[in-house]
Amino acid sequence: IKAGSDFELEVRLVRGTTSANIPSAFGRGGVAISDFKAVVRHPRFAELSPEHRATALAWLAAMSRRQGQEAEAERLQHEAEAIDPAAARRVKEQDA
């Protein structure tokens, strides 16, 4: 997958979401974090739908919360809710 491509953006969003939903015993949390960070830093992140941007940020918040990084989790969750409150809340509720 070519770095910076639209295909990379889509694959990382799907893989990150999938990895975040796999039980922690399987050790996919690092993959999820890496993928969501890559999505948020992608040059075309702003072109994603509000739902997809908020979902990526909310999952990154959830992963930060799992690692005990509460301040970072709250910052990311607030950013996600400012973009699409419903999508951000769905992720937070799903991760609860």
C-alpha atoms as a PDB file:
ATOM      1  CA  ILE A   1       0.000   0.000   0.000  1.00  0.00           C
ATOM      2  CA  LYS A   2       1.552   3.268  -1.081  1.00  0.00           C
ATOM      3  CA  ALA A   3       1.986   5.729   1.787  1.00  0.00           C
ATOM      4  CA  GLY A   4      -0.240   8.761   1.386  1.00  0.00           C
ATOM      5  CA  SER A   5      -2.605   7.108  -1.100  1.00  0.00           C
ATOM      6  CA  ASP A   6      -6.388   7.170  -0.764  1.00  0.00           C
ATOM      7  CA  PHE A   7      -6.327   3.379  -0.658  1.00  0.00           C
ATOM      8  CA  GLU A   8      -3.974   3.503   2.330  1.00  0.00           C
ATOM      9  CA  LEU A   9      -6.384   5.849   4.101  1.00  0.00           C
ATOM     10  CA  GLU A  10      -9.342   3.517   3.558  1.00  0.00           C
ATOM     11  CA  VAL A  11      -7.424   0.368   4.518  1.00  0.00           C
ATOM     12  CA  ARG A  12      -6.049   1.921   7.701  1.00  0.00           C
ATOM     13  CA  LEU A  13      -9.483   3.150   8.764  1.00  0.00           C
ATOM     14  CA  VAL A  14     -11.024  -0.301   8.305  1.00  0.00           C
ATOM     15  CA  ARG A  15      -8.074  -2.195   9.812  1.00  0.00           C
ATOM     16  CA  GLY A  16      -7.871   0.213  12.759  1.00  0.00           C
ATOM     17  CA  THR A  17     -11.566  -0.197  13.530  1.00  0.00           C
ATOM     18  CA  THR A  18     -11.312  -3.968  13.229  1.00  0.00           C
ATOM     19  CA  SER A  19      -8.200  -4.141  15.405  1.00  0.00           C
ATOM     20  CA  ALA A  20      -9.763  -1.901  18.070  1.00  0.00           C
ATOM     21  CA  ASN A  21     -12.711  -4.300  18.316  1.00  0.00           C
ATOM     22  CA  ILE A  22     -10.601  -7.433  18.769  1.00  0.00           C
ATOM     23  CA  PRO A  23     -10.174  -8.445  22.436  1.00  0.00           C
ATOM     24  CA  SER A  24      -6.960  -7.132  24.000  1.00  0.00           C
ATOM     25  CA  ALA A  25      -5.679 -10.679  24.568  1.00  0.00           C
ATOM     26  CA  PHE A  26      -4.912 -10.810  20.833  1.00  0.00           C
ATOM     27  CA  GLY A  27      -2.595  -7.806  21.036  1.00  0.00           C
ATOM     28  CA  ARG A  28      -4.017  -5.743  18.169  1.00  0.00           C
ATOM     29  CA  GLY A  29      -4.179  -2.465  20.110  1.00  0.00           C
ATOM     30  CA  GLY A  30      -0.864  -1.247  18.754  1.00  0.00           C
ATOM     31  CA  VAL A  31      -2.036  -1.834  15.191  1.00  0.00           C
ATOM     32  CA  ALA A  32      -5.231   0.115  15.891  1.00  0.00           C
ATOM     33  CA  ILE A  33      -3.335   3.059  17.369  1.00  0.00           C
ATOM     34  CA  SER A  34      -0.856   3.125  14.495  1.00  0.00           C
ATOM     35  CA  ASP A  35      -3.650   2.991  11.928  1.00  0.00           C
ATOM     36  CA  PHE A  36      -5.771   5.708  13.523  1.00  0.00           C
ATOM     37  CA  LYS A  37      -2.748   8.001  13.917  1.00  0.00           C
ATOM     38  CA  ALA A  38      -1.912   7.449  10.236  1.00  0.00           C
ATOM     39  CA  VAL A  39      -5.508   8.259   9.254  1.00  0.00           C
ATOM     40  CA  VAL A  40      -5.591  11.464  11.307  1.00  0.00           C
ATOM     41  CA  ARG A  41      -2.213  12.575   9.907  1.00  0.00           C
ATOM     42  CA  HIS A  42      -3.069  11.634   6.317  1.00  0.00           C
ATOM     43  CA  PRO A  43      -2.945  14.616   3.921  1.00  0.00           C
ATOM     44  CA  ARG A  44      -6.528  13.906   2.819  1.00  0.00           C
ATOM     45  CA  PHE A  45      -8.012  13.362   6.295  1.00  0.00           C
ATOM     46  CA  ALA A  46      -9.996  16.606   6.021  1.00  0.00           C
ATOM     47  CA  GLU A  47     -11.659  15.275   2.866  1.00  0.00           C
ATOM     48  CA  LEU A  48     -13.195  12.299   4.658  1.00  0.00           C
ATOM     49  CA  SER A  49     -16.839  12.510   5.637  1.00  0.00           C
ATOM     50  CA  PRO A  50     -17.478  14.031   9.072  1.00  0.00           C
ATOM     51  CA  GLU A  51     -18.626  10.600  10.281  1.00  0.00           C
ATOM     52  CA  HIS A  52     -15.355   8.939   9.260  1.00  0.00           C
ATOM     53  CA  ARG A  53     -13.196  11.732  10.711  1.00  0.00           C
ATOM     54  CA  ALA A  54     -15.082  11.624  14.010  1.00  0.00           C
ATOM     55  CA  THR A  55     -14.933   7.831  14.098  1.00  0.00           C
ATOM     56  CA  ALA A  56     -11.153   7.788  13.625  1.00  0.00           C
ATOM     57  CA  LEU A  57     -10.646  10.413  16.334  1.00  0.00           C
ATOM     58  CA  ALA A  58     -13.062   8.716  18.733  1.00  0.00           C
ATOM     59  CA  TRP A  59     -11.329   5.344  18.305  1.00  0.00           C
ATOM     60  CA  LEU A  60      -7.976   7.021  18.889  1.00  0.00           C
ATOM     61  CA  ALA A  61      -9.508   8.508  22.053  1.00  0.00           C
ATOM     62  CA  ALA A  62     -10.731   5.074  23.131  1.00  0.00           C
ATOM     63  CA  MET A  63      -7.301   3.537  22.565  1.00  0.00           C
ATOM     64  CA  SER A  64      -5.682   6.377  24.538  1.00  0.00           C
ATOM     65  CA  ARG A  65      -8.177   5.778  27.361  1.00  0.00           C
ATOM     66  CA  ARG A  66      -7.279   2.074  27.388  1.00  0.00           C
ATOM     67  CA  GLN A  67      -3.647   3.064  27.873  1.00  0.00           C
ATOM     68  CA  GLY A  68      -4.500   5.338  30.798  1.00  0.00           C
ATOM     69  CA  GLN A  69      -3.906   8.557  28.850  1.00  0.00           C
ATOM     70  CA  GLU A  70      -7.063  10.270  30.065  1.00  0.00           C
ATOM     71  CA  ALA A  71      -6.159  13.852  29.132  1.00  0.00           C
ATOM     72  CA  GLU A  72      -5.297  12.846  25.560  1.00  0.00           C
ATOM     73  CA  ALA A  73      -8.425  10.698  25.368  1.00  0.00           C
ATOM     74  CA  GLU A  74     -10.622  13.594  26.473  1.00  0.00           C
ATOM     75  CA  ARG A  75      -8.980  15.977  23.984  1.00  0.00           C
ATOM     76  CA  LEU A  76      -9.496  13.553  21.097  1.00  0.00           C
ATOM     77  CA  GLN A  77     -13.070  12.721  22.153  1.00  0.00           C
ATOM     78  CA  HIS A  78     -13.938  16.430  22.330  1.00  0.00           C
ATOM     79  CA  GLU A  79     -12.460  16.958  18.846  1.00  0.00           C
ATOM     80  CA  ALA A  80     -14.450  13.987  17.499  1.00  0.00           C
ATOM     81  CA  GLU A  81     -17.695  15.248  19.066  1.00  0.00           C
ATOM     82  CA  ALA A  82     -17.164  18.682  17.509  1.00  0.00           C
ATOM     83  CA  ILE A  83     -17.073  17.040  14.071  1.00  0.00           C
ATOM     84  CA  ASP A  84     -19.902  14.491  14.400  1.00  0.00           C
ATOM     85  CA  PRO A  85     -21.383  14.059  17.879  1.00  0.00           C
ATOM     86  CA  ALA A  86     -23.429  10.965  17.026  1.00  0.00           C
ATOM     87  CA  ALA A  87     -20.504   9.067  15.477  1.00  0.00           C
ATOM     88  CA  ALA A  88     -18.198   9.996  18.354  1.00  0.00           C
ATOM     89  CA  ARG A  89     -20.714   8.857  20.966  1.00  0.00           C
ATOM     90  CA  ARG A  90     -21.322   5.558  19.149  1.00  0.00           C
ATOM     91  CA  VAL A  91     -17.628   4.705  19.382  1.00  0.00           C
ATOM     92  CA  LYS A  92     -17.426   5.737  23.033  1.00  0.00           C
ATOM     93  CA  GLU A  93     -20.510   3.663  23.920  1.00  0.00           C
ATOM     94  CA  GLN A  94     -19.235   0.692  21.944  1.00  0.00           C
ATOM     95  CA  ASP A  95     -15.904   0.812  23.778  1.00  0.00           C
ATOM     96  CA  ALA A  96     -17.500   1.162  27.237  1.00  0.00           C
END
